């Protein structure tokens, strides 16, 4: 899935930030600059993707 950050500004001034395509705490890292700039942090909801482990690639060499 493509990583996307959506910023929604409602007519009443409420701002919502939604991160899609991120796993684990990567969404919080990706949106931190927006939360800081916009002052958004009152209500944080963690989607099921948050509880998935972020994909990490590791390479292991056996022997020498």
C-alpha atoms as a PDB file:
ATOM      1  CA  UNK A   1       0.000   0.000   0.000  1.00  0.00           C
ATOM      2  CA  UNK A   2       1.203   3.487  -0.855  1.00  0.00           C
ATOM      3  CA  UNK A   3       2.045   5.688   2.130  1.00  0.00           C
ATOM      4  CA  UNK A   4      -0.210   8.729   2.332  1.00  0.00           C
ATOM      5  CA  UNK A   5      -0.785  11.478   4.889  1.00  0.00           C
ATOM      6  CA  UNK A   6      -4.155  13.195   4.695  1.00  0.00           C
ATOM      7  CA  UNK A   7      -4.830  16.514   6.450  1.00  0.00           C
ATOM      8  CA  UNK A   8      -8.518  17.367   6.896  1.00  0.00           C
ATOM      9  CA  UNK A   9      -9.574  20.876   7.915  1.00  0.00           C
ATOM     10  CA  UNK A  10     -13.254  21.108   8.842  1.00  0.00           C
ATOM     11  CA  UNK A  11     -15.318  24.323   8.555  1.00  0.00           C
ATOM     12  CA  UNK A  12     -15.319  24.654  12.365  1.00  0.00           C
ATOM     13  CA  UNK A  13     -11.496  24.732  12.390  1.00  0.00           C
ATOM     14  CA  UNK A  14     -10.996  21.153  13.635  1.00  0.00           C
ATOM     15  CA  UNK A  15      -7.930  19.580  12.024  1.00  0.00           C
ATOM     16  CA  UNK A  16      -7.458  15.842  11.592  1.00  0.00           C
ATOM     17  CA  UNK A  17      -4.342  14.079  10.324  1.00  0.00           C
ATOM     18  CA  UNK A  18      -4.629  10.530   9.013  1.00  0.00           C
ATOM     19  CA  UNK A  19      -1.652   8.385   8.042  1.00  0.00           C
ATOM     20  CA  UNK A  20      -2.354   5.481   5.703  1.00  0.00           C
ATOM     21  CA  UNK A  21       0.004   2.726   4.627  1.00  0.00           C
ATOM     22  CA  UNK A  22       2.250   2.971   7.685  1.00  0.00           C
ATOM     23  CA  UNK A  23       2.850   0.206  10.240  1.00  0.00           C
ATOM     24  CA  UNK A  24       3.770   0.480  13.878  1.00  0.00           C
ATOM     25  CA  UNK A  25       5.051   3.785  15.195  1.00  0.00           C
ATOM     26  CA  UNK A  26       6.109   4.861  11.685  1.00  0.00           C
ATOM     27  CA  UNK A  27       2.829   6.791  11.356  1.00  0.00           C
ATOM     28  CA  UNK A  28       3.621   8.873  14.437  1.00  0.00           C
ATOM     29  CA  UNK A  29       7.101   9.611  13.133  1.00  0.00           C
ATOM     30  CA  UNK A  30       5.740  10.573   9.711  1.00  0.00           C
ATOM     31  CA  UNK A  31       3.102  12.965  11.057  1.00  0.00           C
ATOM     32  CA  UNK A  32       5.077  14.504  13.936  1.00  0.00           C
ATOM     33  CA  UNK A  33       6.124  17.559  11.914  1.00  0.00           C
ATOM     34  CA  UNK A  34       2.501  18.256  10.958  1.00  0.00           C
ATOM     35  CA  UNK A  35       1.265  17.866  14.527  1.00  0.00           C
ATOM     36  CA  UNK A  36       3.948  20.271  15.708  1.00  0.00           C
ATOM     37  CA  UNK A  37       3.277  22.836  12.971  1.00  0.00           C
ATOM     38  CA  UNK A  38      -0.521  22.670  13.231  1.00  0.00           C
ATOM     39  CA  UNK A  39      -0.796  22.089  16.959  1.00  0.00           C
ATOM     40  CA  UNK A  40      -2.799  18.885  16.507  1.00  0.00           C
ATOM     41  CA  UNK A  41      -2.530  16.272  19.256  1.00  0.00           C
ATOM     42  CA  UNK A  42      -5.750  16.369  21.251  1.00  0.00           C
ATOM     43  CA  UNK A  43      -7.242  13.083  20.056  1.00  0.00           C
ATOM     44  CA  UNK A  44      -5.082  10.257  18.769  1.00  0.00           C
ATOM     45  CA  UNK A  45      -6.639   7.021  17.490  1.00  0.00           C
ATOM     46  CA  UNK A  46      -4.493   4.039  16.623  1.00  0.00           C
ATOM     47  CA  UNK A  47      -5.743   1.985  13.706  1.00  0.00           C
ATOM     48  CA  UNK A  48      -5.139  -1.776  13.436  1.00  0.00           C
ATOM     49  CA  UNK A  49      -2.122  -1.061  11.212  1.00  0.00           C
ATOM     50  CA  UNK A  50      -0.426   0.585  14.190  1.00  0.00           C
ATOM     51  CA  UNK A  51      -0.236  -2.762  15.940  1.00  0.00           C
ATOM     52  CA  UNK A  52       1.474  -4.427  12.981  1.00  0.00           C
ATOM     53  CA  UNK A  53       5.207  -4.545  13.105  1.00  0.00           C
ATOM     54  CA  UNK A  54       7.018  -2.223  10.749  1.00  0.00           C
ATOM     55  CA  UNK A  55       8.730  -4.037   7.911  1.00  0.00           C
ATOM     56  CA  UNK A  56      12.427  -4.295   8.543  1.00  0.00           C
ATOM     57  CA  UNK A  57      14.932  -5.892   6.294  1.00  0.00           C
ATOM     58  CA  UNK A  58      17.913  -7.597   7.789  1.00  0.00           C
ATOM     59  CA  UNK A  59      20.700  -9.472   6.131  1.00  0.00           C
ATOM     60  CA  UNK A  60      22.566 -12.155   7.951  1.00  0.00           C
ATOM     61  CA  UNK A  61      25.702 -13.861   6.738  1.00  0.00           C
ATOM     62  CA  UNK A  62      26.639 -17.259   8.075  1.00  0.00           C
ATOM     63  CA  UNK A  63      30.198 -18.469   7.936  1.00  0.00           C
ATOM     64  CA  UNK A  64      33.055 -16.474   6.615  1.00  0.00           C
END
